[in-house]
Amino acid sequence: MLPQQPVLAEQCHDKGLRRRLLRPYPCRSSVACSDSSPQRGEPEKHLLFGDVEFELHHSSISNGFHGVAYMKWWLLLVATCYAHSMASTFKTVHNGHEQYCMKWKQDGKWRYVYAYTRADLNNKHLKRVAEIGVDGIIKPARRVNKPRVNKNNPSLKMVFNEYLEQANLGEKTYTQRVHEWNNGFKTIEKLPVKTVSRETIERIILDKTLPQSTAFHYSSLINAVLNYALKRDYIKVKPALLKPHYENKTEIKNNINIEQYVNDFRGILRYVEKNEKYQHMYPIIKLMTLGLRIGEILAITREQISDANMTLTINKTLVNNNTLKAGTKGRADTYKTRTIPLPLDYYTLLINHIQTLDNTVLTPVWRDGTIINNEHVIFIKNKHVMTYSYFNWIWHRIQRDYFNEIWNTKLTDDNYLKPHTTRHITASLMAYDGIPLSMAQTILGHMSAQMTQHYTHITATMKRETIERFTRDTAVQTMNNIVDETMKIDNENKK
């Protein structure tokens, strides 16, 4: 038997929504009334959930709700309150836009709605729940709760949640940070951030049972959170934490094999230039010698090439959903750019490549979720901007054929040259040629000089040739001659 009053609305988890639903007079926000609104103390005849309006017939309204009308209202109320509190909300990229997403399970299927603001997201969610029905709403696995930070004495978890909100992380990085926190710092997250000691944290990040990479990521995460706490004056002094021992296997491999990588890349460049099957990839591989990232190369448009100055402006990159994003690698709100002077043979190669295109493709460039302009991409596959997947596939085939035809060997993990390794090669060659570190940093587009140093690997051949260059230096020879002549004169005078 149905109750005579809508008491089940008291169980709604969203306090604001519950208060508006139970209000016996016209409401504002997500529950609104029609022009013929009842007087104070009377039940409403019209309810508006999102953009969907429901009318309760006059014959079914007396001292309470009765019959079919009340059944519909009761089911809708329970479904709306339950679904609204059970949904998981997070930021993501949808159709090239950074938007809020709400996820919940209903009728055995995962449902999603997207919007630019949380208010629009809630309205879309309520409307979608009402359209689908009320059966089978299941609570999904929620992301990290984000309670308000107690400014006076926040816990470590509260600071972490606020750091996540303010850091403007991508979806993949956000998920990784949450996973690391839940696995590493769950036991101490309730401690006030002011009382968390160095020993408590180091007991976690210096745990010898952890893999090196895991301990390194834990250390990076807790340092970022503590830096944020220091910036917001939640703590006065940041604990000086010891760093866990970490061996970067990729860096070690690059240090050992950099000389072989340099020779292989030179051979691959020549092989592609002479091989008709892969000549369409030659401009791309040629640009890799400038230290450009693959996403920056694939995003090059005709508008980035200056005919007057023979320069290339790097101001956009290709993202994983095969769209162009303004700015280069870095945080989403930085939009860094850089300009690289093109040698004559590079400029001529790009212009000749552009002239071979039948129809250049106009591709939209996104920034802050909106299209800022449309530009002509120059590296096209199937009348579309060339994708990461195609590049990785053709790059693997090029190396496979190169080692098979030139060296009669198979391509293995040891001799496979990753596309990003070419940036290490460029940095190493620039260091060998004596280019200042600040200049190399500008060309490579690094955020700091330390990163450029990380990319620099000195080979044994480079050391030997540098020493030989020093001994052959004209100034050195001149000084040697001066000393020799002076000593010769002194010896003759002594005799």
Protein backbone atom coordinates (compact mmCIF):
# COMPACT_ATOMS: atom_id res chain seq x y z
CA MET A 1 0.00 0.00 0.00
CA LEU A 2 1.40 3.38 -1.02
CA PRO A 3 2.03 5.99 1.68
CA GLN A 4 -0.16 9.09 1.61
CA GLN A 5 2.74 11.59 1.82
CA PRO A 6 5.97 11.71 -0.23
CA VAL A 7 8.17 10.78 2.71
CA LEU A 8 10.61 8.81 0.55
CA ALA A 9 12.01 12.08 -0.77
CA GLU A 10 13.71 12.43 2.62
CA GLN A 11 16.09 9.68 1.48
CA CYS A 12 17.44 11.72 -1.44
CA HIS A 13 21.22 12.01 -1.02
CA ASP A 14 21.47 15.45 -2.65
CA LYS A 15 20.38 17.85 0.12
CA GLY A 16 19.68 20.77 -2.20
CA LEU A 17 17.62 18.67 -4.60
CA ARG A 18 15.74 17.01 -1.72
CA ARG A 19 14.90 20.40 -0.20
CA ARG A 20 13.56 21.69 -3.51
CA LEU A 21 11.54 18.57 -4.21
CA LEU A 22 9.85 18.62 -0.79
CA ARG A 23 9.10 22.34 -0.86
CA PRO A 24 5.25 22.74 -0.95
CA TYR A 25 5.37 26.05 -2.84
CA PRO A 26 6.82 27.18 -6.19
CA CYS A 27 10.51 26.27 -6.54
CA ARG A 28 13.43 27.95 -8.30
CA SER A 29 16.36 25.93 -9.84
CA SER A 30 15.90 22.34 -11.09
CA VAL A 31 12.26 22.01 -9.92
CA ALA A 32 10.08 24.80 -11.26
CA CYS A 33 6.37 25.51 -11.49
CA SER A 34 4.05 26.69 -14.24
CA ASP A 35 2.29 30.02 -14.38
CA SER A 36 -0.66 28.56 -12.51
CA SER A 37 1.48 27.86 -9.45
CA PRO A 38 -0.32 26.76 -6.29
CA GLN A 39 -0.39 28.89 -3.19
CA ARG A 40 1.89 28.25 -0.24
CA GLY A 41 1.00 24.99 1.46
CA GLU A 42 -0.63 23.48 -1.65
CA PRO A 43 0.94 20.62 -3.64
CA GLU A 44 2.37 21.48 -7.07
CA LYS A 45 0.58 20.59 -10.31
CA HIS A 46 3.58 21.00 -12.63
CA LEU A 47 7.13 19.77 -12.05
CA LEU A 48 10.04 20.59 -14.37
CA PHE A 49 13.02 18.19 -14.18
CA GLY A 50 15.68 19.62 -16.48
CA ASP A 51 13.73 20.34 -19.68
CA VAL A 52 10.97 17.76 -19.07
CA GLU A 53 7.69 18.99 -17.56
CA PHE A 54 5.31 16.64 -15.76
CA GLU A 55 1.68 17.55 -15.05
CA LEU A 56 -0.22 16.12 -12.11
CA HIS A 57 -3.98 16.06 -12.87
CA HIS A 58 -6.24 18.13 -10.63
CA SER A 59 -8.49 15.18 -9.89
CA SER A 60 -5.62 13.29 -8.24
CA ILE A 61 -4.56 16.13 -5.95
CA SER A 62 -6.30 16.54 -2.62
CA ASN A 63 -4.70 16.39 0.81
CA GLY A 64 -1.98 14.17 -0.65
CA PHE A 65 -1.15 12.28 -3.85
CA HIS A 66 -3.25 9.24 -4.71
CA GLY A 67 -3.51 6.60 -7.41
CA VAL A 68 -1.65 6.60 -10.71
CA ALA A 69 -0.55 10.23 -10.54
CA TYR A 70 1.12 9.72 -7.17
CA MET A 71 2.71 6.46 -8.36
CA LYS A 72 4.32 8.28 -11.31
CA TRP A 73 5.48 11.13 -9.12
CA TRP A 74 6.85 8.77 -6.48
CA LEU A 75 8.77 6.62 -8.97
CA LEU A 76 10.19 9.69 -10.71
CA LEU A 77 11.25 11.21 -7.41
CA VAL A 78 13.00 8.06 -6.21
CA ALA A 79 14.72 7.51 -9.58
CA THR A 80 15.85 11.12 -9.85
CA CYS A 81 17.24 11.38 -6.31
CA TYR A 82 18.88 7.96 -6.47
CA ALA A 83 20.41 8.41 -9.90
CA HIS A 84 21.60 11.93 -9.10
CA SER A 85 23.47 10.72 -6.04
CA MET A 86 24.80 7.53 -7.64
CA ALA A 87 26.32 9.16 -10.74
CA SER A 88 30.07 9.69 -11.17
CA THR A 89 31.18 13.12 -12.42
CA PHE A 90 34.59 13.90 -13.92
CA LYS A 91 36.32 15.97 -16.60
CA THR A 92 37.20 14.45 -19.97
CA VAL A 93 37.69 15.28 -23.65
CA HIS A 94 34.58 14.69 -25.76
CA ASN A 95 34.58 15.35 -29.51
CA GLY A 96 37.71 17.43 -29.12
CA HIS A 97 36.25 19.53 -26.29
CA GLU A 98 37.15 19.46 -22.62
CA GLN A 99 33.83 18.88 -20.88
CA TYR A 100 32.27 17.51 -17.72
CA CYS A 101 30.94 13.95 -17.97
CA MET A 102 28.41 12.18 -15.76
CA LYS A 103 28.37 8.38 -15.81
CA TRP A 104 25.82 6.00 -14.32
CA LYS A 105 24.32 2.56 -14.98
CA GLN A 106 20.67 2.25 -15.90
CA ASP A 107 18.72 -0.58 -17.52
CA GLY A 108 21.90 -2.68 -17.54
CA LYS A 109 23.86 -0.17 -19.66
CA TRP A 110 26.36 2.56 -18.87
CA ARG A 111 24.92 5.98 -19.63
CA TYR A 112 26.84 9.19 -20.27
CA VAL A 113 25.96 12.87 -20.60
CA TYR A 114 28.36 15.71 -21.38
CA ALA A 115 28.22 19.46 -20.76
CA TYR A 116 30.52 22.44 -20.33
CA THR A 117 29.16 23.38 -16.90
CA ARG A 118 28.06 21.33 -13.92
CA ALA A 119 24.63 22.99 -13.91
CA ASP A 120 23.96 21.97 -17.54
CA LEU A 121 25.34 18.52 -16.76
CA ASN A 122 22.89 18.01 -13.87
CA ASN A 123 19.96 19.15 -16.02
CA LYS A 124 20.93 16.80 -18.85
CA HIS A 125 21.33 13.96 -16.39
CA LEU A 126 17.89 14.46 -14.84
CA LYS A 127 16.30 14.69 -18.27
CA ARG A 128 18.04 11.51 -19.46
CA VAL A 129 17.01 9.55 -16.36
CA ALA A 130 13.40 10.62 -16.85
CA GLU A 131 13.50 9.61 -20.55
CA ILE A 132 14.99 6.16 -19.96
CA GLY A 133 12.93 5.13 -16.93
CA VAL A 134 13.56 4.13 -13.37
CA ASP A 135 14.75 0.51 -13.48
CA GLY A 136 18.15 -0.88 -12.69
CA ILE A 137 20.12 2.19 -11.64
CA ILE A 138 23.42 0.90 -10.23
CA LYS A 139 26.09 2.90 -8.49
CA PRO A 140 29.32 2.91 -10.58
CA ALA A 141 32.85 2.86 -9.25
CA ARG A 142 33.32 6.46 -8.17
CA ARG A 143 36.43 8.52 -8.61
CA VAL A 144 38.04 10.25 -5.67
CA ASN A 145 35.57 12.17 -3.52
CA LYS A 146 36.25 15.88 -3.56
CA PRO A 147 35.11 17.37 -0.25
CA ARG A 148 35.71 21.00 0.55
CA VAL A 149 39.05 21.79 2.09
CA ASN A 150 39.07 22.85 5.72
CA LYS A 151 41.26 25.92 5.42
CA ASN A 152 42.27 25.85 9.09
CA ASN A 153 43.43 22.27 9.42
CA PRO A 154 42.95 20.28 6.18
CA SER A 155 43.73 16.61 5.96
CA LEU A 156 46.22 15.25 3.45
CA LYS A 157 43.38 13.86 1.36
CA MET A 158 41.61 17.22 1.26
CA VAL A 159 44.76 18.89 -0.04
CA PHE A 160 45.19 16.14 -2.62
CA ASN A 161 41.61 16.60 -3.84
CA GLU A 162 42.07 20.36 -4.18
CA TYR A 163 45.38 19.79 -5.99
CA LEU A 164 43.56 17.56 -8.50
CA GLU A 165 40.98 20.27 -9.12
CA GLN A 166 43.55 23.02 -9.64
CA ALA A 167 46.22 21.10 -11.57
CA ASN A 168 44.22 20.95 -14.82
CA LEU A 169 45.39 17.40 -15.53
CA GLY A 170 44.44 15.37 -18.56
CA GLU A 171 42.07 12.45 -18.10
CA LYS A 172 44.79 9.80 -18.31
CA THR A 173 47.09 11.63 -15.89
CA TYR A 174 44.19 12.33 -13.54
CA THR A 175 43.27 8.65 -13.38
CA GLN A 176 46.91 7.68 -12.82
CA ARG A 177 47.28 10.15 -9.93
CA VAL A 178 44.12 8.84 -8.26
CA HIS A 179 45.31 5.24 -8.65
CA GLU A 180 48.72 6.08 -7.17
CA TRP A 181 47.16 7.90 -4.24
CA ASN A 182 44.73 5.11 -3.39
CA ASN A 183 47.47 2.49 -3.51
CA GLY A 184 50.20 4.45 -1.75
CA PHE A 185 48.76 6.98 0.69
CA LYS A 186 45.39 5.59 1.74
CA THR A 187 46.71 4.79 5.22
CA ILE A 188 47.80 8.35 6.01
CA GLU A 189 45.34 10.44 4.00
CA LYS A 190 43.21 11.34 7.04
CA LEU A 191 46.13 12.88 8.91
CA PRO A 192 46.20 16.69 9.08
CA VAL A 193 48.70 17.92 6.53
CA LYS A 194 50.40 20.04 9.21
CA THR A 195 51.24 16.97 11.28
CA VAL A 196 52.45 14.64 8.51
CA SER A 197 56.12 13.99 9.26
CA ARG A 198 59.00 13.25 6.96
CA GLU A 199 59.45 9.79 8.50
CA THR A 200 55.80 8.90 7.85
CA ILE A 201 56.07 9.72 4.15
CA GLU A 202 59.51 8.16 3.65
CA ARG A 203 58.23 4.94 5.22
CA ILE A 204 55.99 4.69 2.13
CA ILE A 205 58.13 6.04 -0.72
CA LEU A 206 61.35 4.33 0.42
CA ASP A 207 59.72 0.93 0.90
CA LYS A 208 62.19 -1.54 -0.63
CA THR A 209 59.40 -3.94 -1.56
CA LEU A 210 58.05 -1.41 -4.08
CA PRO A 211 59.19 -1.52 -7.70
CA GLN A 212 61.54 1.35 -8.51
CA SER A 213 59.14 3.01 -10.93
CA THR A 214 56.25 2.84 -8.43
CA ALA A 215 58.33 4.38 -5.65
CA PHE A 216 59.47 7.12 -8.04
CA HIS A 217 55.86 7.98 -8.98
CA TYR A 218 54.77 7.97 -5.33
CA SER A 219 57.60 10.36 -4.53
CA SER A 220 56.68 12.70 -7.41
CA LEU A 221 53.02 12.73 -6.40
CA ILE A 222 53.51 13.48 -2.70
CA ASN A 223 56.04 16.20 -3.55
CA ALA A 224 53.53 17.82 -5.89
CA VAL A 225 50.83 17.73 -3.20
CA LEU A 226 53.16 19.16 -0.55
CA ASN A 227 54.32 21.90 -2.92
CA TYR A 228 50.67 22.81 -3.48
CA ALA A 229 50.05 22.83 0.30
CA LEU A 230 53.05 25.14 0.77
CA LYS A 231 51.81 27.44 -2.00
CA ARG A 232 48.39 27.72 -0.34
CA ASP A 233 49.88 28.26 3.14
CA TYR A 234 48.41 25.04 4.52
CA ILE A 235 51.93 24.27 5.76
CA LYS A 236 54.77 26.64 6.60
CA VAL A 237 57.69 24.33 5.79
CA LYS A 238 57.80 21.45 3.35
CA PRO A 239 59.51 18.28 4.63
CA ALA A 240 62.82 17.54 2.89
CA LEU A 241 62.14 14.06 1.54
CA LEU A 242 64.75 11.59 0.37
CA LYS A 243 64.28 10.44 -3.20
CA PRO A 244 63.94 6.71 -3.86
CA HIS A 245 66.61 5.09 -5.98
CA TYR A 246 65.46 4.92 -9.58
CA GLU A 247 67.27 3.72 -12.68
CA ASN A 248 65.78 4.98 -15.90
CA LYS A 249 66.26 1.97 -18.15
CA THR A 250 65.47 3.95 -21.29
CA GLU A 251 68.08 6.56 -20.42
CA ILE A 252 70.67 3.88 -19.67
CA LYS A 253 69.91 2.18 -22.98
CA ASN A 254 70.18 5.48 -24.85
CA ASN A 255 73.53 6.26 -23.19
CA ILE A 256 74.91 2.88 -24.25
CA ASN A 257 73.46 2.77 -27.77
CA ILE A 258 73.35 6.45 -28.77
CA GLU A 259 76.25 6.08 -31.21
CA GLN A 260 74.56 3.14 -32.93
CA TYR A 261 71.26 5.05 -32.97
CA VAL A 262 72.93 8.01 -34.71
CA ASN A 263 74.37 5.77 -37.44
CA ASP A 264 71.11 3.84 -37.88
CA PHE A 265 69.05 7.01 -38.17
CA ARG A 266 71.40 8.41 -40.81
CA GLY A 267 71.10 5.15 -42.73
CA ILE A 268 67.29 5.10 -42.44
CA LEU A 269 67.09 8.70 -43.68
CA ARG A 270 69.16 7.83 -46.76
CA TYR A 271 67.22 4.59 -47.33
CA VAL A 272 63.84 6.40 -47.31
CA GLU A 273 65.16 9.07 -49.67
CA LYS A 274 66.19 6.46 -52.26
CA ASN A 275 63.27 4.05 -51.80
CA GLU A 276 60.25 4.96 -53.95
CA LYS A 277 57.88 3.02 -51.69
CA TYR A 278 58.62 5.27 -48.72
CA GLN A 279 59.47 8.58 -50.40
CA HIS A 280 56.18 10.12 -49.18
CA MET A 281 57.59 9.77 -45.64
CA TYR A 282 60.90 11.45 -46.41
CA PRO A 283 59.82 15.02 -45.48
CA ILE A 284 58.54 13.78 -42.11
CA ILE A 285 61.72 11.85 -41.29
CA LYS A 286 63.82 14.78 -42.49
CA LEU A 287 62.01 17.06 -40.04
CA MET A 288 62.72 14.58 -37.24
CA THR A 289 66.39 15.60 -37.54
CA LEU A 290 65.37 19.05 -36.24
CA GLY A 291 64.28 17.48 -32.95
CA LEU A 292 60.55 18.00 -33.52
CA ARG A 293 58.02 15.81 -31.73
CA ILE A 294 55.97 13.51 -33.95
CA GLY A 295 52.73 15.23 -32.92
CA GLU A 296 54.23 18.59 -33.89
CA ILE A 297 55.34 17.30 -37.30
CA LEU A 298 52.00 15.70 -38.17
CA ALA A 299 50.22 18.93 -37.15
CA ILE A 300 52.27 21.20 -39.46
CA THR A 301 50.11 23.36 -41.71
CA ARG A 302 50.93 25.58 -44.66
CA GLU A 303 50.22 28.62 -42.51
CA GLN A 304 53.10 27.75 -40.16
CA ILE A 305 55.75 28.07 -42.91
CA SER A 306 57.01 31.58 -43.54
CA ASP A 307 58.17 32.16 -47.11
CA ALA A 308 59.67 35.54 -46.27
CA ASN A 309 61.93 34.36 -43.44
CA MET A 310 62.16 30.63 -44.26
CA THR A 311 61.05 29.73 -40.73
CA LEU A 312 58.72 27.15 -39.25
CA THR A 313 56.51 28.18 -36.32
CA ILE A 314 55.57 25.29 -34.03
CA ASN A 315 52.27 26.36 -32.48
CA LYS A 316 50.05 23.28 -32.51
CA THR A 317 50.18 19.54 -31.98
CA LEU A 318 48.19 16.46 -32.94
CA VAL A 319 46.26 14.91 -30.06
CA ASN A 320 45.17 11.29 -29.72
CA ASN A 321 41.71 11.80 -31.20
CA ASN A 322 43.38 13.01 -34.43
CA THR A 323 42.52 16.68 -33.99
CA LEU A 324 44.83 19.69 -33.89
CA LYS A 325 45.26 21.48 -30.55
CA ALA A 326 46.72 24.96 -30.27
CA GLY A 327 50.07 25.08 -28.49
CA THR A 328 52.79 22.47 -28.10
CA LYS A 329 53.37 19.84 -25.43
CA GLY A 330 52.72 20.99 -21.87
CA ARG A 331 49.80 21.94 -19.69
CA ALA A 332 46.55 22.60 -21.48
CA ASP A 333 46.53 26.29 -20.54
CA THR A 334 50.13 27.18 -21.52
CA TYR A 335 49.95 27.17 -25.35
CA LYS A 336 53.70 27.48 -25.82
CA THR A 337 55.08 28.15 -29.30
CA ARG A 338 58.54 28.38 -30.85
CA THR A 339 59.99 29.38 -34.23
CA ILE A 340 62.73 27.39 -35.95
CA PRO A 341 64.79 28.73 -38.89
CA LEU A 342 64.64 26.27 -41.81
CA PRO A 343 67.79 25.48 -43.79
CA LEU A 344 67.32 26.00 -47.51
CA ASP A 345 67.12 22.28 -48.33
CA TYR A 346 64.45 21.76 -45.63
CA TYR A 347 62.39 24.71 -46.87
CA THR A 348 62.65 23.56 -50.50
CA LEU A 349 61.66 20.02 -49.53
CA LEU A 350 58.51 21.21 -47.73
CA ILE A 351 57.45 23.54 -50.55
CA ASN A 352 57.94 20.78 -53.15
CA HIS A 353 55.92 18.40 -50.99
CA ILE A 354 53.08 20.93 -50.70
CA GLN A 355 53.01 21.38 -54.48
CA THR A 356 52.49 17.64 -54.97
CA LEU A 357 49.27 17.70 -52.92
CA ASP A 358 46.14 17.60 -55.05
CA ASN A 359 43.81 19.12 -52.48
CA THR A 360 45.16 20.35 -49.19
CA VAL A 361 42.84 19.46 -46.35
CA LEU A 362 41.34 22.18 -44.17
CA THR A 363 41.52 21.02 -40.57
CA PRO A 364 40.00 22.83 -37.57
CA VAL A 365 42.34 23.92 -34.78
CA TRP A 366 40.91 23.73 -31.26
CA ARG A 367 41.66 25.82 -28.21
CA ASP A 368 39.73 25.81 -24.93
CA GLY A 369 37.09 23.58 -26.50
CA THR A 370 36.36 25.92 -29.42
CA ILE A 371 37.56 26.17 -33.02
CA ILE A 372 39.88 29.17 -33.42
CA ASN A 373 40.62 28.73 -37.15
CA ASN A 374 40.93 26.25 -40.03
CA GLU A 375 44.33 25.54 -41.56
CA HIS A 376 45.76 23.41 -44.38
CA VAL A 377 47.62 20.36 -43.07
CA ILE A 378 50.46 19.18 -45.30
CA PHE A 379 50.85 15.55 -44.19
CA ILE A 380 47.71 13.80 -45.35
CA LYS A 381 46.53 10.19 -45.47
CA ASN A 382 43.18 9.31 -47.04
CA LYS A 383 42.18 12.98 -47.27
CA HIS A 384 42.70 13.37 -43.53
CA VAL A 385 45.46 14.44 -41.22
CA MET A 386 47.95 11.58 -40.87
CA THR A 387 47.29 9.69 -37.64
CA TYR A 388 49.66 8.42 -34.96
CA SER A 389 48.64 4.85 -35.66
CA TYR A 390 49.54 5.08 -39.36
CA PHE A 391 52.87 6.77 -38.63
CA ASN A 392 53.88 4.14 -36.06
CA TRP A 393 52.89 1.38 -38.47
CA ILE A 394 54.86 2.79 -41.43
CA TRP A 395 57.86 3.69 -39.21
CA HIS A 396 58.08 0.08 -38.06
CA ARG A 397 57.89 -1.20 -41.66
CA ILE A 398 60.62 1.23 -42.79
CA GLN A 399 63.03 -0.04 -40.14
CA ARG A 400 62.12 -3.66 -40.81
CA ASP A 401 62.89 -3.29 -44.52
CA TYR A 402 66.01 -1.21 -43.85
CA PHE A 403 67.64 -3.79 -41.60
CA ASN A 404 66.55 -6.62 -43.88
CA GLU A 405 67.77 -5.11 -47.16
CA ILE A 406 70.84 -3.17 -46.02
CA TRP A 407 72.19 -5.27 -43.13
CA ASN A 408 70.48 -8.61 -43.77
CA THR A 409 69.29 -8.76 -40.17
CA LYS A 410 65.93 -8.75 -38.44
CA LEU A 411 64.38 -5.86 -36.58
CA THR A 412 64.47 -6.56 -32.83
CA ASP A 413 63.77 -4.65 -29.63
CA ASP A 414 67.47 -3.93 -29.31
CA ASN A 415 67.92 -2.22 -32.68
CA TYR A 416 64.42 -0.70 -33.01
CA LEU A 417 64.65 3.08 -33.04
CA LYS A 418 61.71 4.73 -31.28
CA PRO A 419 60.49 7.92 -32.96
CA HIS A 420 61.12 9.97 -29.81
CA THR A 421 64.74 8.80 -29.70
CA THR A 422 65.47 11.11 -32.63
CA ARG A 423 65.06 14.05 -30.23
CA HIS A 424 67.81 12.56 -28.08
CA ILE A 425 69.96 12.20 -31.19
CA THR A 426 69.42 15.85 -32.15
CA ALA A 427 70.22 17.05 -28.63
CA SER A 428 73.41 14.98 -28.53
CA LEU A 429 74.61 16.21 -31.93
CA MET A 430 73.94 19.83 -30.99
CA ALA A 431 75.95 19.38 -27.79
CA TYR A 432 78.77 17.84 -29.82
CA ASP A 433 78.75 20.78 -32.22
CA GLY A 434 79.09 23.20 -29.32
CA ILE A 435 75.61 24.74 -29.55
CA PRO A 436 74.81 26.52 -26.24
CA LEU A 437 72.43 24.69 -23.94
CA SER A 438 69.93 27.56 -23.94
CA MET A 439 69.82 27.51 -27.76
CA ALA A 440 69.29 23.74 -27.84
CA GLN A 441 66.51 24.12 -25.26
CA THR A 442 64.76 26.69 -27.45
CA ILE A 443 64.99 24.54 -30.59
CA LEU A 444 63.80 21.37 -28.85
CA GLY A 445 61.01 23.16 -27.00
CA HIS A 446 61.95 21.96 -23.52
CA MET A 447 60.48 23.57 -20.42
CA SER A 448 63.85 23.59 -18.64
CA ALA A 449 67.57 23.28 -19.34
CA GLN A 450 67.67 20.21 -17.10
CA MET A 451 65.40 18.36 -19.53
CA THR A 452 67.72 19.28 -22.42
CA GLN A 453 70.66 17.89 -20.44
CA HIS A 454 68.65 14.72 -19.86
CA TYR A 455 68.28 14.36 -23.65
CA THR A 456 72.02 14.82 -24.26
CA HIS A 457 74.14 11.67 -24.56
CA ILE A 458 77.88 11.86 -25.26
CA THR A 459 79.36 9.00 -27.25
CA ALA A 460 82.93 7.68 -27.17
CA THR A 461 83.45 8.89 -30.72
CA MET A 462 82.28 12.36 -29.78
CA LYS A 463 84.77 12.44 -26.91
CA ARG A 464 87.63 11.28 -29.12
CA GLU A 465 86.84 13.74 -31.91
CA THR A 466 86.43 16.58 -29.40
CA ILE A 467 89.89 15.88 -27.99
CA GLU A 468 91.37 15.64 -31.48
CA ARG A 469 89.62 18.87 -32.44
CA PHE A 470 91.14 20.57 -29.40
CA THR A 471 94.63 19.37 -30.29
CA ARG A 472 94.20 20.55 -33.87
CA ASP A 473 92.82 23.92 -32.83
CA THR A 474 94.72 26.82 -34.45
CA ALA A 475 94.93 28.81 -31.25
CA VAL A 476 96.40 25.80 -29.46
CA GLN A 477 98.96 25.29 -32.19
CA THR A 478 99.86 28.97 -32.11
CA MET A 479 100.39 28.87 -28.36
CA ASN A 480 102.49 25.72 -28.72
CA ASN A 481 104.69 27.42 -31.30
CA ILE A 482 105.16 30.43 -29.05
CA VAL A 483 106.21 28.26 -26.11
CA ASP A 484 108.49 26.12 -28.27
CA GLU A 485 110.22 29.12 -29.79
CA THR A 486 110.63 30.80 -26.40
CA MET A 487 112.09 27.68 -24.82
CA LYS A 488 114.41 27.20 -27.79
CA ILE A 489 115.75 30.75 -27.43
CA ASP A 490 116.22 30.29 -23.67
CA ASN A 491 118.19 27.09 -24.20
CA GLU A 492 120.43 28.74 -26.77
CA ASN A 493 121.12 31.63 -24.43
CA LYS A 494 122.08 29.23 -21.65
CA LYS A 495 124.59 27.55 -23.89
